[in-house]
C-alpha atoms as a PDB file:
ATOM      1  CA  MET A   1      26.944  -6.187  -1.487  1.00  0.00           C
ATOM      2  CA  LYS A   2      28.062  -7.708   1.759  1.00  0.00           C
ATOM      3  CA  VAL A   3      24.562  -8.956   2.581  1.00  0.00           C
ATOM      4  CA  PHE A   4      24.893 -11.553  -0.191  1.00  0.00           C
ATOM      5  CA  HIS A   5      27.615 -13.310   1.794  1.00  0.00           C
ATOM      6  CA  THR A   6      25.493 -14.076   4.852  1.00  0.00           C
ATOM      7  CA  ARG A   7      23.274 -17.043   5.578  1.00  0.00           C
ATOM      8  CA  LYS A   8      20.260 -14.809   6.076  1.00  0.00           C
ATOM      9  CA  GLN A   9      20.582 -13.026   2.759  1.00  0.00           C
ATOM     10  CA  PHE A  10      17.250 -14.153   1.334  1.00  0.00           C
ATOM     11  CA  LEU A  11      15.304 -13.194   4.457  1.00  0.00           C
ATOM     12  CA  CYS A  12      16.780  -9.691   4.278  1.00  0.00           C
ATOM     13  CA  PHE A  13      14.742  -9.116   1.125  1.00  0.00           C
ATOM     14  CA  PHE A  14      11.794 -11.484   1.603  1.00  0.00           C
ATOM     15  CA  MET A  15      10.729 -10.173   5.030  1.00  0.00           C
ATOM     16  CA  PRO A  16      10.467  -6.475   4.092  1.00  0.00           C
ATOM     17  CA  GLY A  17       8.295  -7.539   1.150  1.00  0.00           C
ATOM     18  CA  PHE A  18       6.204  -9.685   3.497  1.00  0.00           C
ATOM     19  CA  ILE A  19       5.692  -6.711   5.811  1.00  0.00           C
ATOM     20  CA  ILE A  20       4.792  -4.475   2.840  1.00  0.00           C
ATOM     21  CA  GLY A  21       2.135  -7.033   1.820  1.00  0.00           C
ATOM     22  CA  ILE A  22       0.668  -7.073   5.324  1.00  0.00           C
ATOM     23  CA  VAL A  23       0.631  -3.278   5.533  1.00  0.00           C
ATOM     24  CA  TYR A  24      -0.963  -3.036   2.101  1.00  0.00           C
ATOM     25  CA  VAL A  25      -3.864  -5.317   3.053  1.00  0.00           C
ATOM     26  CA  ASN A  26      -4.441  -3.726   6.432  1.00  0.00           C
ATOM     27  CA  PHE A  27      -4.211  -0.068   5.439  1.00  0.00           C
ATOM     28  CA  PHE A  28      -4.744   0.320   1.698  1.00  0.00           C
ATOM     29  CA  ALA A  29      -6.918  -2.600   0.585  1.00  0.00           C
ATOM     30  CA  VAL A  30      -9.526  -2.252   3.343  1.00  0.00           C
ATOM     31  CA  LYS A  31     -12.159  -1.033   0.874  1.00  0.00           C
ATOM     32  CA  TYR A  32     -11.845  -4.308  -1.086  1.00  0.00           C
ATOM     33  CA  MET A  33     -12.426  -6.490   1.980  1.00  0.00           C
ATOM     34  CA  ALA A  34     -16.211  -6.319   1.595  1.00  0.00           C
ATOM     35  CA  ASP A  35     -16.044  -8.029  -1.816  1.00  0.00           C
ATOM     36  CA  PRO A  36     -16.371 -11.807  -1.756  1.00  0.00           C
ATOM     37  CA  GLY A  37     -13.060 -13.375  -2.582  1.00  0.00           C
ATOM     38  CA  LEU A  38     -10.921 -16.442  -2.405  1.00  0.00           C
ATOM     39  CA  PHE A  39     -11.678 -17.048   1.258  1.00  0.00           C
ATOM     40  CA  SER A  40     -15.453 -16.568   1.059  1.00  0.00           C
ATOM     41  CA  THR A  41     -17.763 -19.378   2.127  1.00  0.00           C
ATOM     42  CA  TYR A  42     -19.266 -19.486  -1.360  1.00  0.00           C
ATOM     43  CA  PHE A  43     -15.899 -20.005  -3.056  1.00  0.00           C
ATOM     44  CA  LEU A  44     -14.843 -22.707  -0.603  1.00  0.00           C
ATOM     45  CA  GLU A  45     -18.144 -24.575  -1.069  1.00  0.00           C
ATOM     46  CA  GLU A  46     -17.780 -24.358  -4.850  1.00  0.00           C
ATOM     47  CA  TYR A  47     -14.218 -25.702  -4.633  1.00  0.00           C
ATOM     48  CA  GLN A  48     -15.562 -28.844  -2.966  1.00  0.00           C
ATOM     49  CA  SER A  49     -17.715 -29.679  -5.992  1.00  0.00           C
ATOM     50  CA  VAL A  50     -15.347 -28.750  -8.832  1.00  0.00           C
ATOM     51  CA  ASP A  51     -13.614 -31.504 -10.780  1.00  0.00           C
ATOM     52  CA  ILE A  52     -10.016 -30.574 -11.544  1.00  0.00           C
ATOM     53  CA  VAL A  53      -8.958 -31.533 -15.072  1.00  0.00           C
ATOM     54  CA  ALA A  54      -5.285 -32.449 -14.818  1.00  0.00           C
ATOM     55  CA  GLY A  55      -4.383 -31.417 -18.371  1.00  0.00           C
ATOM     56  CA  GLU A  56      -5.874 -27.951 -18.057  1.00  0.00           C
ATOM     57  CA  TYR A  57      -4.428 -27.495 -14.594  1.00  0.00           C
ATOM     58  CA  MET A  58      -0.986 -28.446 -15.908  1.00  0.00           C
ATOM     59  CA  TRP A  59      -1.076 -25.574 -18.435  1.00  0.00           C
ATOM     60  CA  TYR A  60      -2.139 -23.209 -15.672  1.00  0.00           C
ATOM     61  CA  LEU A  61       0.739 -24.382 -13.477  1.00  0.00           C
ATOM     62  CA  ILE A  62       3.199 -23.923 -16.307  1.00  0.00           C
ATOM     63  CA  ARG A  63       2.121 -20.284 -16.525  1.00  0.00           C
ATOM     64  CA  VAL A  64       2.232 -19.570 -12.794  1.00  0.00           C
ATOM     65  CA  ARG A  65       5.099 -21.807 -11.650  1.00  0.00           C
ATOM     66  CA  VAL A  66       7.434 -22.464 -14.577  1.00  0.00           C
ATOM     67  CA  PHE A  67       7.230 -19.067 -16.300  1.00  0.00           C
ATOM     68  CA  PRO A  68       8.531 -17.102 -13.268  1.00  0.00           C
ATOM     69  CA  LEU A  69      11.245 -19.722 -12.815  1.00  0.00           C
ATOM     70  CA  LEU A  70      12.322 -19.325 -16.439  1.00  0.00           C
ATOM     71  CA  VAL A  71      12.266 -15.525 -16.194  1.00  0.00           C
ATOM     72  CA  LEU A  72      14.443 -15.651 -13.080  1.00  0.00           C
ATOM     73  CA  ALA A  73      16.737 -18.159 -14.792  1.00  0.00           C
ATOM     74  CA  GLY A  74      16.995 -15.891 -17.808  1.00  0.00           C
ATOM     75  CA  PHE A  75      17.922 -12.891 -15.685  1.00  0.00           C
ATOM     76  CA  SER A  76      20.383 -15.079 -13.778  1.00  0.00           C
ATOM     77  CA  LEU A  77      22.398 -15.375 -16.949  1.00  0.00           C
ATOM     78  CA  THR A  78      22.819 -11.595 -17.236  1.00  0.00           C
ATOM     79  CA  LYS A  79      24.644  -8.950 -15.251  1.00  0.00           C
ATOM     80  CA  ALA A  80      21.324  -8.057 -13.607  1.00  0.00           C
ATOM     81  CA  LYS A  81      21.126 -11.381 -11.786  1.00  0.00           C
ATOM     82  CA  LYS A  82      21.521  -9.964  -8.263  1.00  0.00           C
ATOM     83  CA  ALA A  83      18.916  -7.288  -8.925  1.00  0.00           C
ATOM     84  CA  ALA A  84      16.574  -9.921 -10.361  1.00  0.00           C
ATOM     85  CA  ALA A  85      17.052 -12.104  -7.277  1.00  0.00           C
ATOM     86  CA  VAL A  86      16.330  -9.183  -4.949  1.00  0.00           C
ATOM     87  CA  LEU A  87      13.231  -8.165  -6.915  1.00  0.00           C
ATOM     88  CA  PHE A  88      12.004 -11.764  -6.950  1.00  0.00           C
ATOM     89  CA  LEU A  89      12.440 -12.112  -3.192  1.00  0.00           C
ATOM     90  CA  VAL A  90      10.670  -8.818  -2.494  1.00  0.00           C
ATOM     91  CA  TRP A  91       7.840  -9.781  -4.867  1.00  0.00           C
ATOM     92  CA  ALA A  92       7.507 -13.219  -3.232  1.00  0.00           C
ATOM     93  CA  GLY A  93       7.422 -11.555   0.189  1.00  0.00           C
ATOM     94  CA  ILE A  94       4.741  -9.081  -0.868  1.00  0.00           C
ATOM     95  CA  SER A  95       2.659 -11.889  -2.374  1.00  0.00           C
ATOM     96  CA  ALA A  96       2.965 -14.015   0.768  1.00  0.00           C
ATOM     97  CA  GLY A  97       2.130 -11.062   3.016  1.00  0.00           C
ATOM     98  CA  ILE A  98      -0.980 -10.209   1.012  1.00  0.00           C
ATOM     99  CA  LEU A  99      -2.174 -13.829   0.918  1.00  0.00           C
ATOM    100  CA  ILE A 100      -1.669 -14.502   4.618  1.00  0.00           C
ATOM    101  CA  SER A 101      -3.204 -11.158   5.605  1.00  0.00           C
ATOM    102  CA  LEU A 102      -6.286 -11.688   3.440  1.00  0.00           C
ATOM    103  CA  ALA A 103      -6.692 -15.175   4.865  1.00  0.00           C
ATOM    104  CA  ALA A 104      -6.386 -13.902   8.429  1.00  0.00           C
ATOM    105  CA  VAL A 105      -8.815 -11.019   7.853  1.00  0.00           C
ATOM    106  CA  GLU A 106     -11.418 -13.212   6.141  1.00  0.00           C
ATOM    107  CA  MET A 107     -11.198 -16.427   8.179  1.00  0.00           C
ATOM    108  CA  GLY A 108      -8.855 -15.863  11.102  1.00  0.00           C
ATOM    109  CA  ILE A 109      -6.493 -18.664  12.043  1.00  0.00           C
ATOM    110  CA  LYS A 110      -8.460 -21.110   9.869  1.00  0.00           C
ATOM    111  CA  GLY A 111      -7.581 -18.978   6.846  1.00  0.00           C
ATOM    112  CA  CYS A 112      -3.906 -19.073   7.735  1.00  0.00           C
ATOM    113  CA  LEU A 113      -4.085 -22.852   8.137  1.00  0.00           C
ATOM    114  CA  LEU A 114      -5.852 -23.072   4.762  1.00  0.00           C
ATOM    115  CA  CYS A 115      -2.939 -21.167   3.205  1.00  0.00           C
ATOM    116  CA  VAL A 116      -0.411 -23.516   4.784  1.00  0.00           C
ATOM    117  CA  THR A 117      -2.437 -26.517   3.589  1.00  0.00           C
ATOM    118  CA  GLY A 118      -2.525 -24.980   0.118  1.00  0.00           C
ATOM    119  CA  LEU A 119       1.264 -24.851   0.018  1.00  0.00           C
ATOM    120  CA  PHE A 120       1.889 -28.488   0.876  1.00  0.00           C
ATOM    121  CA  PRO A 121       3.313 -30.784  -0.291  1.00  0.00           C
ATOM    122  CA  GLN A 122       4.391 -29.065  -3.532  1.00  0.00           C
ATOM    123  CA  PHE A 123       6.276 -26.192  -1.916  1.00  0.00           C
ATOM    124  CA  LEU A 124       8.620 -28.705  -0.305  1.00  0.00           C
ATOM    125  CA  PHE A 125       9.900 -29.140  -3.865  1.00  0.00           C
ATOM    126  CA  TYR A 126       9.409 -25.654  -5.333  1.00  0.00           C
ATOM    127  CA  VAL A 127      11.351 -23.904  -2.572  1.00  0.00           C
ATOM    128  CA  PRO A 128      14.600 -25.885  -3.036  1.00  0.00           C
ATOM    129  CA  ALA A 129      14.391 -25.379  -6.803  1.00  0.00           C
ATOM    130  CA  TYR A 130      14.061 -21.615  -6.396  1.00  0.00           C
ATOM    131  CA  LEU A 131      16.711 -21.516  -3.668  1.00  0.00           C
ATOM    132  CA  VAL A 132      19.280 -23.144  -5.961  1.00  0.00           C
ATOM    133  CA  LEU A 133      18.494 -20.612  -8.669  1.00  0.00           C
ATOM    134  CA  LEU A 134      18.513 -17.677  -6.228  1.00  0.00           C
ATOM    135  CA  TRP A 135      21.771 -18.867  -4.671  1.00  0.00           C
ATOM    136  CA  TYR A 136      23.340 -18.984  -8.120  1.00  0.00           C
ATOM    137  CA  ALA A 137      22.021 -15.498  -8.938  1.00  0.00           C
ATOM    138  CA  CYS A 138      23.440 -14.096  -5.714  1.00  0.00           C
ATOM    139  CA  SER A 139      26.785 -15.880  -5.862  1.00  0.00           C
ATOM    140  CA  GLY A 140      28.249 -13.422  -8.316  1.00  0.00           C
ATOM    141  CA  PRO A 141      30.885 -14.307 -10.880  1.00  0.00           C
ATOM    142  CA  ALA A 142      32.234 -17.125  -8.698  1.00  0.00           C
ATOM    143  CA  GLY A 143      29.034 -19.130  -9.097  1.00  0.00           C
ATOM    144  CA  ARG A 144      28.880 -21.678 -11.877  1.00  0.00           C
ATOM    145  CA  TRP A 145      25.781 -23.195 -13.365  1.00  0.00           C
ATOM    146  CA  ASN A 146      26.062 -26.831 -14.377  1.00  0.00           C
ATOM    147  CA  ARG A 147      24.023 -29.764 -15.586  1.00  0.00           C
ATOM    148  CA  HIS A 148      23.429 -31.069 -12.045  1.00  0.00           C
ATOM    149  CA  LYS A 149      21.738 -27.842 -11.019  1.00  0.00           C
ATOM    150  CA  THR A 150      19.611 -27.878 -14.166  1.00  0.00           C
ATOM    151  CA  VAL A 151      18.489 -31.451 -13.513  1.00  0.00           C
ATOM    152  CA  PHE A 152      17.823 -30.698  -9.834  1.00  0.00           C
ATOM    153  CA  VAL A 153      15.761 -27.562 -10.512  1.00  0.00           C
ATOM    154  CA  SER A 154      13.839 -29.233 -13.345  1.00  0.00           C
ATOM    155  CA  LEU A 155      13.136 -32.381 -11.347  1.00  0.00           C
ATOM    156  CA  MET A 156      12.080 -30.533  -8.208  1.00  0.00           C
ATOM    157  CA  THR A 157       9.762 -28.291 -10.213  1.00  0.00           C
ATOM    158  CA  ALA A 158       8.237 -31.244 -12.063  1.00  0.00           C
ATOM    159  CA  ILE A 159       7.658 -33.198  -8.834  1.00  0.00           C
ATOM    160  CA  GLY A 160       6.126 -30.104  -7.246  1.00  0.00           C
ATOM    161  CA  MET A 161       3.755 -29.679 -10.180  1.00  0.00           C
ATOM    162  CA  VAL A 162       2.654 -33.326 -10.086  1.00  0.00           C
ATOM    163  CA  LEU A 163       1.990 -33.052  -6.355  1.00  0.00           C
ATOM    164  CA  GLU A 164       0.102 -29.799  -6.856  1.00  0.00           C
ATOM    165  CA  ILE A 165      -2.114 -31.420  -9.494  1.00  0.00           C
ATOM    166  CA  TYR A 166      -2.873 -34.732  -7.804  1.00  0.00           C
ATOM    167  CA  VAL A 167      -2.213 -34.476  -4.043  1.00  0.00           C
ATOM    168  CA  ASN A 168      -2.882 -30.867  -3.083  1.00  0.00           C
ATOM    169  CA  PRO A 169      -6.562 -30.771  -4.169  1.00  0.00           C
ATOM    170  CA  ILE A 170      -7.233 -33.784  -1.964  1.00  0.00           C
ATOM    171  CA  LEU A 171      -5.584 -32.099   1.022  1.00  0.00           C
ATOM    172  CA  ILE A 172      -7.469 -28.848   0.410  1.00  0.00           C
ATOM    173  CA  ARG A 173     -10.811 -30.657   0.145  1.00  0.00           C
ATOM    174  CA  MET A 174     -10.077 -32.557   3.351  1.00  0.00           C
ATOM    175  CA  PHE A 175      -9.247 -29.312   5.146  1.00  0.00           C
ATOM    176  CA  ILE A 176     -12.285 -27.443   3.792  1.00  0.00           C
ATOM    177  CA  SER A 177     -14.558 -30.278   4.896  1.00  0.00           C
ATOM    178  CA  THR A 178     -13.465 -29.625   8.497  1.00  0.00           C
ATOM    179  CA  LEU A 179     -14.542 -25.962   8.365  1.00  0.00           C
END
């Protein structure tokens, strides 16, 4: 596929997924908007008073952050690596579109800012880790995986998880207190 040789290759698959997520929320999930959810006042007030247990949160993060990374890495070692990369990018786009749309519908611009706050600072480390893995998956037979890439992806993921456990809850609480 020629699209895998351009600089914008990942956006070619992420953005259609993002648009699908937005369309889904606005046209098909309207009936679920009345239910209280993640962006409800009740949930945000409860978040302020919850103590986050680092050990339990770490196991949760392993399931939601490391498991998809390992699945993508596993598929990257097969002949289906380009298809896996495309499916991952579309899935990530759909997820982002749904999240941002729900936030905007429930809270407006404050919801979108809450989502951005929820991504930092850990996504500054997760994104490069996934990009290295996606770049390898899309590079075809010419791409080589080596120890440096393994160390980089592992280190970036670990740093992202530590930041998500210890720094992100503080940032979220600070942001919610301004609402």
